Protein backbone atom coordinates (compact mmCIF):
# COMPACT_ATOMS: atom_id res chain seq x y z
CA UNK A 1 27.83 25.75 -64.98
CA UNK A 2 23.97 24.69 -63.63
CA UNK A 3 22.18 21.10 -61.81
CA UNK A 4 19.11 20.18 -62.95
CA UNK A 5 17.81 17.10 -62.14
CA UNK A 6 16.78 14.62 -65.00
CA UNK A 7 13.60 13.55 -63.75
CA UNK A 8 11.38 13.23 -59.99
CA UNK A 9 11.32 9.91 -59.75
CA UNK A 10 15.19 9.19 -59.42
CA UNK A 11 16.57 12.40 -57.56
CA UNK A 12 20.15 10.98 -57.12
CA UNK A 13 20.35 11.39 -60.86
CA UNK A 14 21.16 14.93 -62.35
CA UNK A 15 22.77 16.21 -65.58
CA UNK A 16 25.05 19.32 -65.30
CA UNK A 17 26.18 20.40 -69.18
CA UNK A 18 26.32 16.91 -70.98
CA UNK A 19 27.15 13.90 -68.51
CA UNK A 20 25.43 13.32 -65.71
CA UNK A 21 25.63 12.83 -62.71
CA UNK A 22 24.47 10.12 -59.72
CA UNK A 23 24.66 12.84 -56.50
CA UNK A 24 23.67 12.05 -53.51
CA UNK A 25 23.41 14.90 -50.64
CA UNK A 26 24.00 13.14 -46.40
CA UNK A 27 21.05 14.29 -44.38
CA UNK A 28 21.93 17.16 -42.06
CA UNK A 29 20.92 15.16 -38.67
CA UNK A 30 23.13 12.53 -40.40
CA UNK A 31 26.14 15.06 -40.75
CA UNK A 32 26.05 16.15 -37.06
CA UNK A 33 26.65 12.29 -35.21
CA UNK A 34 30.07 12.41 -38.07
CA UNK A 35 31.26 15.78 -38.78
CA UNK A 36 33.84 14.40 -40.84
CA UNK A 37 30.82 12.40 -43.45
CA UNK A 38 31.22 14.40 -46.56
CA UNK A 39 28.24 16.44 -47.13
CA UNK A 40 27.76 15.38 -51.14
CA UNK A 41 28.76 11.93 -52.87
CA UNK A 42 28.78 12.96 -56.20
CA UNK A 43 30.11 10.16 -58.91
CA UNK A 44 30.07 10.44 -63.30
CA UNK A 45 28.04 8.18 -65.20
CA UNK A 46 29.77 8.26 -67.92
CA UNK A 47 31.02 4.84 -69.88
CA UNK A 48 34.71 5.70 -69.92
CA UNK A 49 34.51 6.71 -65.77
CA UNK A 50 32.76 3.51 -64.84
CA UNK A 51 35.66 1.55 -65.64
CA UNK A 52 36.05 0.33 -61.71
CA UNK A 53 33.30 -1.84 -62.11
CA UNK A 54 34.96 -3.86 -64.67
CA UNK A 55 36.59 -5.23 -61.62
CA UNK A 56 33.39 -6.72 -60.72
């Protein structure tokens, strides 16, 4: 499946299939300083996956 950037003004939001994702890639120079950090962080923006926000 191909990731498609939604807009140039929002580089962290990508469309994959029918689902939008928030995607953050850790810069290389930061990963070199702290190798245990993940290369990429991704979170689905589907309404049912945002239940963790209800606690706030």
